[in-house]
Protein backbone atom coordinates (compact mmCIF):
# COMPACT_ATOMS: atom_id res chain seq x y z
CA MET A 1 14.54 8.11 -2.31
CA TRP A 2 12.59 5.26 -0.70
CA ASN A 3 14.59 4.04 2.29
CA TRP A 4 13.97 6.91 4.68
CA ASP A 5 11.44 7.35 7.43
CA ARG A 6 8.66 9.07 5.46
CA ILE A 7 5.49 10.88 6.49
CA GLY A 8 2.41 12.36 4.81
CA ALA A 9 1.69 11.31 1.23
CA VAL A 10 4.68 8.95 1.20
CA ASN A 11 3.52 6.88 4.16
CA THR A 12 0.13 5.62 2.97
CA GLY A 13 -1.16 2.69 4.95
CA ASN A 14 -0.62 -0.56 3.06
CA VAL A 15 2.46 0.72 1.28
CA PRO A 16 4.54 2.62 3.86
CA GLY A 17 7.36 4.32 2.03
CA GLN A 18 5.51 3.14 -1.09
CA GLU A 19 7.58 -0.02 -1.45
CA GLY A 20 5.87 -2.46 -3.79
CA TRP A 21 3.93 0.43 -5.27
CA THR A 22 2.87 -1.30 -8.49
CA PHE A 23 3.12 -4.92 -7.32
CA ALA A 24 3.23 -5.91 -3.67
CA ASP A 25 5.50 -8.57 -2.21
CA TYR A 26 2.78 -11.21 -2.05
CA LEU A 27 5.32 -13.91 -1.23
CA ASP A 28 6.28 -12.44 2.14
CA ALA A 29 3.46 -14.48 3.76
CA GLU A 30 2.38 -11.31 5.58
CA GLY A 31 5.58 -11.39 7.63
CA ALA A 32 5.06 -14.80 9.25
CA GLY A 33 4.56 -18.01 7.33
CA LEU A 34 5.84 -20.11 4.44
CA SER A 35 7.11 -18.79 1.13
CA LEU A 36 7.88 -21.12 -1.79
CA VAL A 37 9.45 -19.94 -5.04
CA PHE A 38 10.11 -22.04 -8.15
CA TYR A 39 12.01 -21.27 -11.35
CA PRO A 40 10.79 -23.73 -14.01
CA THR A 41 12.66 -21.83 -16.72
CA GLU A 42 15.06 -18.92 -16.83
CA GLU A 43 12.20 -16.59 -17.74
CA LEU A 44 9.41 -17.96 -15.54
CA THR A 45 8.99 -17.55 -11.78
CA ILE A 46 6.08 -18.94 -9.77
CA GLY A 47 5.50 -18.88 -6.05
CA VAL A 48 3.16 -19.31 -3.11
CA GLY A 49 2.96 -17.27 0.08
CA LEU A 50 1.17 -19.01 2.97
CA PRO A 51 0.60 -16.84 6.09
CA LEU A 52 0.90 -18.69 9.38
CA PRO A 53 0.39 -15.85 11.88
CA LEU A 54 1.33 -16.25 15.51
CA SER A 55 -1.54 -13.89 16.26
CA HIS A 56 -4.86 -13.86 14.44
CA ASN A 57 -5.15 -10.06 14.37
CA THR A 58 -3.12 -9.66 11.19
CA HIS A 59 -6.15 -9.93 8.91
CA ASP A 60 -8.98 -7.64 7.93
CA ALA A 61 -11.56 -7.98 10.72
CA VAL A 62 -11.29 -7.55 14.48
CA THR A 63 -11.93 -9.85 17.43
CA LEU A 64 -15.57 -9.40 18.43
CA LYS A 65 -18.07 -10.55 21.02
CA ASP A 66 -21.40 -12.19 20.36
CA ASP A 67 -24.69 -11.09 21.93
CA ASP A 68 -23.90 -13.05 25.10
CA GLY A 69 -20.54 -11.30 25.53
CA LYS A 70 -18.52 -14.36 24.48
CA ALA A 71 -15.41 -13.59 22.45
CA GLU A 72 -15.67 -14.79 18.89
CA ASP A 73 -12.77 -15.17 16.49
CA PRO A 74 -13.76 -14.27 12.92
CA TYR A 75 -10.43 -15.30 11.44
CA LEU A 76 -10.56 -18.38 9.26
CA ALA A 77 -6.76 -18.40 9.09
CA LYS A 78 -6.28 -19.07 12.80
CA ASN A 79 -6.50 -22.80 12.19
CA LEU A 80 -3.64 -24.32 10.22
CA SER A 81 -6.07 -26.27 8.05
CA ASP A 82 -7.65 -23.00 6.90
CA ALA A 83 -4.42 -21.02 6.44
CA TRP A 84 -4.60 -21.41 2.66
CA LEU A 85 -7.68 -19.12 2.68
CA ASN A 86 -5.25 -16.21 2.98
CA ALA A 87 -2.58 -17.58 0.64
CA ALA A 88 -1.15 -15.75 -2.36
CA PHE A 89 -0.26 -17.30 -5.72
CA VAL A 90 2.20 -15.38 -7.87
CA GLY A 91 3.70 -15.71 -11.33
CA ALA A 92 6.15 -13.61 -13.34
CA TYR A 93 7.51 -13.96 -16.87
CA LYS A 94 10.52 -12.04 -18.16
CA ILE A 95 10.54 -11.09 -21.84
CA ALA A 96 14.10 -10.48 -22.95
CA ASP A 97 14.88 -6.85 -23.83
CA VAL A 98 11.25 -5.86 -23.19
CA GLY A 99 10.20 -6.26 -19.56
CA THR A 100 8.47 -8.48 -17.02
CA ILE A 101 4.81 -9.47 -16.72
CA LYS A 102 3.55 -10.19 -13.20
CA ALA A 103 0.27 -11.59 -11.89
CA ALA A 104 -1.05 -12.63 -8.49
CA ALA A 105 -4.17 -13.88 -6.76
CA GLN A 106 -4.26 -13.08 -3.06
CA LEU A 107 -7.00 -14.86 -1.12
CA ARG A 108 -8.72 -12.97 1.70
CA SER A 109 -10.96 -14.27 4.48
CA GLY A 110 -12.63 -13.26 7.70
CA LYS A 111 -16.36 -13.10 7.02
CA THR A 112 -18.53 -14.66 9.71
CA VAL A 113 -21.82 -13.60 11.27
CA TYR A 114 -19.89 -11.61 13.89
CA THR A 115 -17.57 -9.96 11.40
CA GLU A 116 -20.60 -7.96 10.23
CA LYS A 117 -20.22 -5.86 13.40
CA SER A 118 -16.53 -5.15 12.98
CA MET A 119 -16.56 -1.93 10.97
CA GLY A 120 -19.43 -0.16 12.69
CA ILE A 121 -21.06 0.92 9.42
CA ASP A 122 -23.29 -0.63 6.80
CA PHE A 123 -23.73 -0.05 3.11
CA ASN A 124 -26.32 -1.44 0.75
CA LYS A 125 -25.72 -2.92 -2.69
CA ASP A 126 -25.53 0.60 -4.15
CA GLY A 127 -22.62 1.39 -1.87
CA ASP A 128 -24.58 3.81 0.33
CA LEU A 129 -23.83 3.91 4.03
CA ASP A 130 -26.53 3.10 6.54
CA ASP A 131 -25.38 4.26 9.96
CA ASP A 132 -28.56 3.06 11.69
CA SER A 133 -27.83 -0.67 11.59
CA GLY A 134 -24.23 -0.63 12.77
CA ASP A 135 -23.50 -3.70 10.61
CA VAL A 136 -21.36 -4.16 7.56
CA HIS A 137 -21.78 -6.83 4.91
CA TYR A 138 -18.88 -8.10 2.85
CA LEU A 139 -20.27 -8.18 -0.69
CA ASN A 140 -18.81 -9.62 -3.84
CA LYS A 141 -19.30 -8.03 -7.22
CA ASP A 142 -22.70 -9.73 -7.52
CA GLY A 143 -23.87 -8.19 -4.25
CA LYS A 144 -23.72 -11.44 -2.27
CA ASN A 145 -22.23 -11.94 1.18
CA VAL A 146 -19.01 -13.92 1.07
CA LYS A 147 -16.62 -15.48 3.56
CA THR A 148 -13.64 -15.17 1.23
CA TRP A 149 -12.65 -12.85 -1.57
CA VAL A 150 -9.66 -12.35 -3.87
CA ASN A 151 -7.33 -9.50 -4.70
CA ILE A 152 -6.44 -9.94 -8.37
CA ALA A 153 -3.19 -8.15 -9.24
CA ALA A 154 -1.30 -7.62 -12.48
CA ALA A 155 1.71 -5.49 -13.38
CA PHE A 156 4.16 -4.85 -16.17
CA ASP A 157 7.73 -3.58 -15.74
CA LEU A 158 9.14 -1.96 -18.87
CA THR A 159 12.90 -2.17 -19.34
CA ALA A 160 13.13 -1.94 -23.14
CA VAL A 161 14.17 1.73 -23.24
CA GLU A 162 17.74 2.58 -22.29
CA ASN A 163 18.05 4.34 -18.93
CA LEU A 164 14.28 4.09 -18.35
CA TYR A 165 12.40 1.90 -15.90
CA ALA A 166 8.60 2.14 -15.89
CA SER A 167 6.02 0.03 -14.09
CA LEU A 168 2.22 -0.06 -14.10
CA GLY A 169 0.20 -2.18 -11.68
CA VAL A 170 -3.50 -2.80 -11.08
CA VAL A 171 -5.28 -4.50 -8.16
CA ILE A 172 -8.93 -5.52 -8.59
CA PRO A 173 -10.64 -6.92 -5.48
CA THR A 174 -13.75 -9.07 -5.77
CA LEU A 175 -15.23 -7.20 -2.83
CA ASN A 176 -17.35 -4.07 -3.24
CA SER A 177 -15.98 -2.41 -0.12
CA LYS A 178 -12.42 -2.52 -1.45
CA PRO A 179 -11.28 0.02 -4.08
CA ILE A 180 -9.69 -0.78 -7.41
CA SER A 181 -6.19 0.64 -7.50
CA ALA A 182 -4.00 1.53 -10.46
CA ASN A 183 -0.49 2.76 -9.70
CA ALA A 184 2.43 3.77 -11.89
CA TYR A 185 6.07 4.60 -11.30
CA ALA A 186 8.90 5.61 -13.63
CA ARG A 187 12.50 6.70 -13.31
CA TYR A 188 14.88 7.94 -15.98
CA GLY A 189 18.63 8.32 -15.81
CA VAL A 190 19.30 11.61 -17.57
CA ASN A 191 23.04 11.17 -17.17
CA GLU A 192 25.50 9.60 -14.75
CA GLN A 193 24.66 12.14 -12.06
CA LEU A 194 20.95 12.88 -12.47
CA THR A 195 17.95 10.55 -12.12
CA VAL A 196 14.36 11.79 -12.22
CA HIS A 197 11.36 9.97 -10.76
CA ALA A 198 7.58 10.21 -11.18
CA ILE A 199 4.79 8.43 -9.33
CA VAL A 200 1.00 8.28 -9.73
CA GLY A 201 -1.56 6.43 -7.63
CA THR A 202 -5.34 6.03 -7.81
CA LYS A 203 -8.12 4.45 -5.77
CA ILE A 204 -11.34 3.93 -7.70
CA ASN A 205 -14.66 3.52 -5.88
CA GLU A 206 -13.01 4.23 -2.55
CA LEU A 207 -15.14 5.24 0.42
CA ASP A 208 -15.80 8.98 0.36
CA LYS A 209 -16.26 9.58 4.07
CA LYS A 210 -17.73 13.02 3.53
CA GLU A 211 -20.39 11.84 1.06
CA GLY A 212 -20.88 8.47 2.75
CA LYS A 213 -20.63 6.52 -0.52
CA PHE A 214 -18.19 4.11 -2.12
CA GLU A 215 -17.89 6.36 -5.16
CA GLY A 216 -14.80 8.36 -4.26
CA PHE A 217 -11.78 8.81 -6.51
CA GLY A 218 -8.49 9.01 -4.66
CA PHE A 219 -5.33 10.14 -6.37
CA LEU A 220 -1.67 10.80 -5.63
CA ALA A 221 0.98 12.38 -7.82
CA GLY A 222 4.61 13.13 -7.18
CA ALA A 223 8.03 13.76 -8.66
CA GLY A 224 11.60 13.69 -7.43
CA VAL A 225 15.24 13.85 -8.41
CA ASP A 226 18.42 12.14 -7.25
CA TYR A 227 21.74 13.82 -7.98
CA ALA A 228 25.18 12.31 -7.42
CA LEU A 229 28.03 14.63 -6.55
CA ASP A 230 31.74 13.89 -6.39
CA GLY A 231 33.14 12.12 -3.36
CA GLY A 232 30.25 9.73 -2.86
CA ILE A 233 27.80 12.50 -1.92
CA GLY A 234 24.21 12.29 -3.15
CA ILE A 235 21.16 14.50 -2.71
CA PHE A 236 17.46 13.93 -3.26
CA LEU A 237 14.44 16.20 -3.61
CA ASP A 238 10.89 14.88 -3.55
CA ALA A 239 7.37 16.38 -3.64
CA ARG A 240 4.00 14.59 -3.56
CA TYR A 241 0.34 15.49 -3.29
CA ALA A 242 -2.58 13.23 -2.33
CA ASN A 243 -6.23 14.04 -1.80
CA GLY A 244 -8.15 13.05 1.30
CA ILE A 245 -9.91 10.11 -0.34
CA PHE A 246 -6.60 8.53 -1.31
CA MET A 247 -5.34 9.04 2.24
CA ALA A 248 -8.60 7.56 3.62
CA ALA A 249 -8.92 10.59 5.88
CA ASP A 250 -11.86 10.68 8.28
CA SER A 251 -12.81 14.35 8.23
CA THR A 252 -15.74 16.47 7.10
CA SER A 253 -13.45 19.28 5.94
CA ASP A 254 -11.98 18.63 2.50
CA ASN A 255 -9.28 21.27 2.80
CA LYS A 256 -7.83 19.52 5.83
CA THR A 257 -7.71 15.97 4.50
CA ASP A 258 -5.43 16.36 1.49
CA THR A 259 -1.69 16.61 1.98
CA PHE A 260 1.35 18.07 0.24
CA THR A 261 4.59 16.39 1.30
CA LEU A 262 8.15 17.58 0.74
CA GLY A 263 11.42 15.75 1.24
CA ALA A 264 15.07 16.70 0.83
CA GLY A 265 18.17 14.91 1.97
CA VAL A 266 21.87 14.28 1.53
CA THR A 267 23.89 11.07 1.82
CA LYS A 268 27.57 10.25 2.01
CA GLY A 269 28.77 6.85 0.93
CA PHE A 270 31.84 5.06 2.19
CA SER A 271 33.47 1.71 1.45
CA ASN A 272 30.73 -0.53 2.85
CA GLY A 273 27.93 1.75 3.97
CA VAL A 274 26.19 5.10 3.78
CA ILE A 275 25.05 7.79 6.19
CA GLY A 276 22.40 10.42 5.52
CA VAL A 277 20.26 13.18 6.95
CA ALA A 278 17.07 14.66 5.51
CA PHE A 279 14.15 17.01 6.07
CA GLU A 280 10.55 15.80 5.80
CA GLY A 281 7.51 18.03 5.96
CA THR A 282 3.78 17.64 5.30
CA THR A 283 0.70 19.83 5.39
CA ASN A 284 -2.27 18.99 7.60
CA GLY A 285 0.15 17.36 9.99
CA GLY A 286 -2.56 16.66 12.55
CA ASN A 287 -3.67 13.84 10.26
CA TYR A 288 -0.39 12.77 8.71
CA GLY A 289 2.53 13.79 10.92
CA ARG A 290 4.64 11.30 12.80
CA TYR A 291 4.06 13.16 16.06
CA GLY A 292 0.93 14.78 17.44
CA GLN A 293 0.14 18.35 16.36
CA LYS A 294 -2.12 20.75 18.23
CA LYS A 295 -4.21 21.50 15.12
CA VAL A 296 -5.18 19.40 12.13
CA ASP A 297 -3.78 21.94 9.68
CA ASP A 298 -0.42 22.34 11.45
CA PHE A 299 2.67 21.76 9.30
CA ALA A 300 4.41 18.61 10.54
CA TRP A 301 8.11 18.04 10.03
CA GLU A 302 10.94 15.78 11.09
CA ILE A 303 14.67 15.29 10.47
CA PRO A 304 15.36 11.59 9.85
CA VAL A 305 18.90 10.24 10.04
CA LYS A 306 19.91 6.94 8.49
CA PHE A 307 22.94 4.72 8.73
CA GLU A 308 23.47 1.66 6.52
CA TYR A 309 26.29 -0.83 6.85
CA TRP A 310 26.84 -4.05 4.95
CA PHE A 311 29.37 -6.85 5.33
């Protein structure tokens, strides 16, 4: 269900394919860096992810120029001594026959005097945009400018019910321009052949680009089924809907920023691998398709093929 090339409501920015939907992989060090994991007890896991990027453009701001045209680097993490300002600290505790509690604190940085120009918009302490200034201020929850902020994450994976896996995760940033997110996912094995899935996502106080305020409510909902046939053949069906605020669409037409995404596919397993072919389609494909459409409201589709082999 997850390991296909996906478009539309399934390919949403920070969680392409919606991997890590309720709790991100904070220990991946953003793809380049140092990851340390410790197991003090059988139940407890703690870890640190320290990004050490080869390029500084993996963080939130962009490279800018000052008033004299000199390039300025707003990334505090470019220097090794400041790399910890984008580190993540993670802990998880497994409760036998109940589930797993997870928590993380992900540090964020990038605020300098020149970073204020990076987004091209400004909003005051009430969250209203001010297009006249062309500046943006990173504000904490007290309305103060900050050079660093924190994404506070928590999740719980429930495994106490037979054949049921359910997970709920919340991310609360200490920055007013970042939305609070609460995501949930569940799957239930009805029998040996049939598994049903459900997914819900929200973004609270997200930027509503039509209203120009950080008061938008983004949401996503979806459901799917996996069915195993004889001979190692499996099929999946999947449908999801997301509104324009959740998709962070930049459009003044509400009916062209939401998206309804469908997926259907079949796989065939063999001794040490699997092959599969599927159909993916999404509405308003001009915004969310993999390939360019002539019109925003065109229906976008693709036929992904996958091949997996393990040794």
